[in-house]
C-alpha atoms as a PDB file:
ATOM      1  CA  MET A   1      -7.711  63.319 -28.830  1.00  0.00           C
ATOM      2  CA  ASN A   2      -4.818  60.924 -29.279  1.00  0.00           C
ATOM      3  CA  TRP A   3      -4.816  57.929 -26.978  1.00  0.00           C
ATOM      4  CA  ILE A   4      -1.131  57.254 -27.582  1.00  0.00           C
ATOM      5  CA  THR A   5       1.345  60.066 -27.237  1.00  0.00           C
ATOM      6  CA  PRO A   6       5.024  59.935 -26.358  1.00  0.00           C
ATOM      7  CA  HIS A   7       4.194  60.858 -22.746  1.00  0.00           C
ATOM      8  CA  SER A   8       0.910  59.032 -22.087  1.00  0.00           C
ATOM      9  CA  LEU A   9      -1.138  55.926 -22.880  1.00  0.00           C
ATOM     10  CA  PHE A  10      -4.956  55.997 -22.533  1.00  0.00           C
ATOM     11  CA  SER A  11      -4.629  59.477 -21.064  1.00  0.00           C
ATOM     12  CA  LEU A  12      -2.409  58.280 -18.232  1.00  0.00           C
ATOM     13  CA  ASN A  13       1.203  59.272 -17.741  1.00  0.00           C
ATOM     14  CA  TRP A  14       3.946  56.666 -17.512  1.00  0.00           C
ATOM     15  CA  ASP A  15       4.371  57.240 -13.778  1.00  0.00           C
ATOM     16  CA  GLU A  16       0.634  56.593 -13.289  1.00  0.00           C
ATOM     17  CA  TRP A  17       0.952  53.347 -15.302  1.00  0.00           C
ATOM     18  CA  ALA A  18       3.942  52.351 -13.180  1.00  0.00           C
ATOM     19  CA  SER A  19       1.876  52.943 -10.031  1.00  0.00           C
ATOM     20  CA  ILE A  20      -1.021  50.856 -11.415  1.00  0.00           C
ATOM     21  CA  ILE A  21       1.335  48.024 -12.356  1.00  0.00           C
ATOM     22  CA  ALA A  22       3.048  48.161  -8.941  1.00  0.00           C
ATOM     23  CA  ILE A  23      -0.318  48.036  -7.146  1.00  0.00           C
ATOM     24  CA  LEU A  24      -1.561  45.148  -9.303  1.00  0.00           C
ATOM     25  CA  THR A  25       1.685  43.271  -8.754  1.00  0.00           C
ATOM     26  CA  ALA A  26       1.426  43.767  -4.988  1.00  0.00           C
ATOM     27  CA  VAL A  27      -2.200  42.562  -5.011  1.00  0.00           C
ATOM     28  CA  VAL A  28      -1.278  39.473  -7.048  1.00  0.00           C
ATOM     29  CA  VAL A  29       1.676  38.671  -4.763  1.00  0.00           C
ATOM     30  CA  ILE A  30      -0.447  39.078  -1.619  1.00  0.00           C
ATOM     31  CA  LEU A  31      -3.280  36.966  -3.069  1.00  0.00           C
ATOM     32  CA  ARG A  32      -0.828  34.287  -4.065  1.00  0.00           C
ATOM     33  CA  TRP A  33       0.688  34.240  -0.569  1.00  0.00           C
ATOM     34  CA  VAL A  34      -2.762  34.088   1.065  1.00  0.00           C
ATOM     35  CA  ILE A  35      -3.907  31.287  -1.225  1.00  0.00           C
ATOM     36  CA  SER A  36      -0.739  29.239  -0.651  1.00  0.00           C
ATOM     37  CA  LYS A  37      -0.991  29.782   3.122  1.00  0.00           C
ATOM     38  CA  ALA A  38      -4.657  28.774   3.101  1.00  0.00           C
ATOM     39  CA  ASP A  39      -3.834  25.768   0.934  1.00  0.00           C
ATOM     40  CA  VAL A  40      -1.218  24.548   3.400  1.00  0.00           C
ATOM     41  CA  GLU A  41      -3.346  25.181   6.486  1.00  0.00           C
ATOM     42  CA  LEU A  42      -6.696  24.025   5.115  1.00  0.00           C
ATOM     43  CA  PHE A  43      -5.756  21.207   2.788  1.00  0.00           C
ATOM     44  CA  GLY A  44      -2.495  20.054   4.384  1.00  0.00           C
ATOM     45  CA  PRO A  45      -4.211  17.867   7.021  1.00  0.00           C
ATOM     46  CA  ILE A  46      -6.519  16.419   4.380  1.00  0.00           C
ATOM     47  CA  ARG A  47      -3.521  15.580   2.170  1.00  0.00           C
ATOM     48  CA  ASN A  48      -1.770  13.911   5.104  1.00  0.00           C
ATOM     49  CA  GLN A  49      -4.852  11.838   5.897  1.00  0.00           C
ATOM     50  CA  LEU A  50      -5.188  10.842   2.257  1.00  0.00           C
ATOM     51  CA  LYS A  51      -1.525   9.761   2.205  1.00  0.00           C
ATOM     52  CA  GLU A  52      -2.082   7.662   5.336  1.00  0.00           C
ATOM     53  CA  PHE A  53      -5.254   6.197   3.832  1.00  0.00           C
ATOM     54  CA  THR A  54      -3.432   5.342   0.614  1.00  0.00           C
ATOM     55  CA  ALA A  55      -0.651   3.628   2.563  1.00  0.00           C
ATOM     56  CA  SER A  56      -3.246   1.703   4.591  1.00  0.00           C
ATOM     57  CA  MET A  57      -5.045   0.604   1.448  1.00  0.00           C
ATOM     58  CA  LYS A  58      -1.776  -0.604  -0.078  1.00  0.00           C
ATOM     59  CA  GLU A  59      -1.078  -2.662   3.044  1.00  0.00           C
ATOM     60  CA  TYR A  60      -4.627  -4.020   3.008  1.00  0.00           C
ATOM     61  CA  ASN A  61      -4.325  -4.972  -0.662  1.00  0.00           C
ATOM     62  CA  LYS A  62      -1.045  -6.803   0.052  1.00  0.00           C
ATOM     63  CA  TRP A  63      -2.671  -8.629   2.965  1.00  0.00           C
ATOM     64  CA  GLN A  64      -5.693  -9.506   0.820  1.00  0.00           C
ATOM     65  CA  ALA A  65      -3.449 -10.851  -1.954  1.00  0.00           C
ATOM     66  CA  LYS A  66      -1.623 -13.047   0.566  1.00  0.00           C
ATOM     67  CA  ALA A  67      -4.958 -14.285   1.930  1.00  0.00           C
ATOM     68  CA  ASN A  68      -6.111 -15.118  -1.592  1.00  0.00           C
ATOM     69  CA  ASP A  69      -2.884 -17.038  -2.215  1.00  0.00           C
ATOM     70  CA  ARG A  70      -3.370 -19.014   1.014  1.00  0.00           C
ATOM     71  CA  LEU A  71      -6.968 -19.751   0.033  1.00  0.00           C
ATOM     72  CA  GLU A  72      -5.899 -21.011  -3.394  1.00  0.00           C
ATOM     73  CA  ASP A  73      -3.224 -23.201  -1.787  1.00  0.00           C
ATOM     74  CA  GLY A  74      -5.829 -24.553   0.610  1.00  0.00           C
ATOM     75  CA  ASP A  75      -8.154 -25.317  -2.295  1.00  0.00           C
ATOM     76  CA  LYS A  76      -5.376 -27.192  -4.078  1.00  0.00           C
ATOM     77  CA  LYS A  77      -4.602 -29.207  -0.946  1.00  0.00           C
ATOM     78  CA  PHE A  78      -8.301 -29.951  -0.443  1.00  0.00           C
ATOM     79  CA  ILE A  79      -8.646 -31.192  -4.009  1.00  0.00           C
ATOM     80  CA  HIS A  80      -5.535 -33.357  -3.581  1.00  0.00           C
ATOM     81  CA  HIS A  81      -6.859 -34.818  -0.316  1.00  0.00           C
ATOM     82  CA  ASP A  82     -10.254 -35.423  -1.912  1.00  0.00           C
ATOM     83  CA  GLU A  83      -8.588 -37.338  -4.738  1.00  0.00           C
ATOM     84  CA  GLN A  84      -6.607 -39.385  -2.211  1.00  0.00           C
ATOM     85  CA  LEU A  85      -9.793 -40.143  -0.287  1.00  0.00           C
ATOM     86  CA  GLN A  86     -11.567 -41.281  -3.452  1.00  0.00           C
ATOM     87  CA  ASP A  87      -8.576 -43.483  -4.324  1.00  0.00           C
ATOM     88  CA  HIS A  88      -8.665 -45.065  -0.833  1.00  0.00           C
ATOM     89  CA  GLU A  89     -12.393 -45.635  -1.142  1.00  0.00           C
ATOM     90  CA  ARG A  90     -11.874 -47.398  -4.482  1.00  0.00           C
ATOM     91  CA  ARG A  91      -9.090 -49.539  -3.073  1.00  0.00           C
ATOM     92  CA  ILE A  92     -11.120 -50.470   0.014  1.00  0.00           C
ATOM     93  CA  THR A  93     -14.106 -51.320  -2.170  1.00  0.00           C
ATOM     94  CA  ASN A  94     -11.888 -53.499  -4.366  1.00  0.00           C
ATOM     95  CA  LEU A  95     -10.429 -55.270  -1.334  1.00  0.00           C
ATOM     96  CA  GLU A  96     -13.892 -55.869   0.083  1.00  0.00           C
ATOM     97  CA  GLU A  97     -15.012 -57.378  -3.228  1.00  0.00           C
ATOM     98  CA  VAL A  98     -11.927 -59.578  -3.405  1.00  0.00           C
ATOM     99  CA  ASN A  99     -12.461 -60.699   0.177  1.00  0.00           C
ATOM    100  CA  ARG A 100     -16.143 -61.428  -0.514  1.00  0.00           C
ATOM    101  CA  ASN A 101     -15.248 -63.437  -3.603  1.00  0.00           C
ATOM    102  CA  GLU A 102     -12.682 -65.477  -1.664  1.00  0.00           C
ATOM    103  CA  ARG A 103     -15.233 -66.333   1.030  1.00  0.00           C
ATOM    104  CA  ASN A 104     -17.680 -67.538  -1.568  1.00  0.00           C
ATOM    105  CA  TYR A 105     -15.219 -70.160  -2.906  1.00  0.00           C
END
């Protein structure tokens, strides 16, 4: 028994092979359509929510970065004011000592 002849392949005629290929193609096309439809209907809302969540997280990160910048600026101002306060304390202490020394004379 020959499995390849001019008129058949694996004991099937060319018209039978054409029918098998047409049926398989139709099944693949229908499956692809069903899967794409299910993907849009099932996962579309999830994708939209994830996009909204991503946008919200970007906004939150921007807000958090601005808050961190304000906090750093506040720390710098606090340090500057603390240094000014220490300088005033030193000057007041010096004036008090000078005044005390003048009274003693």
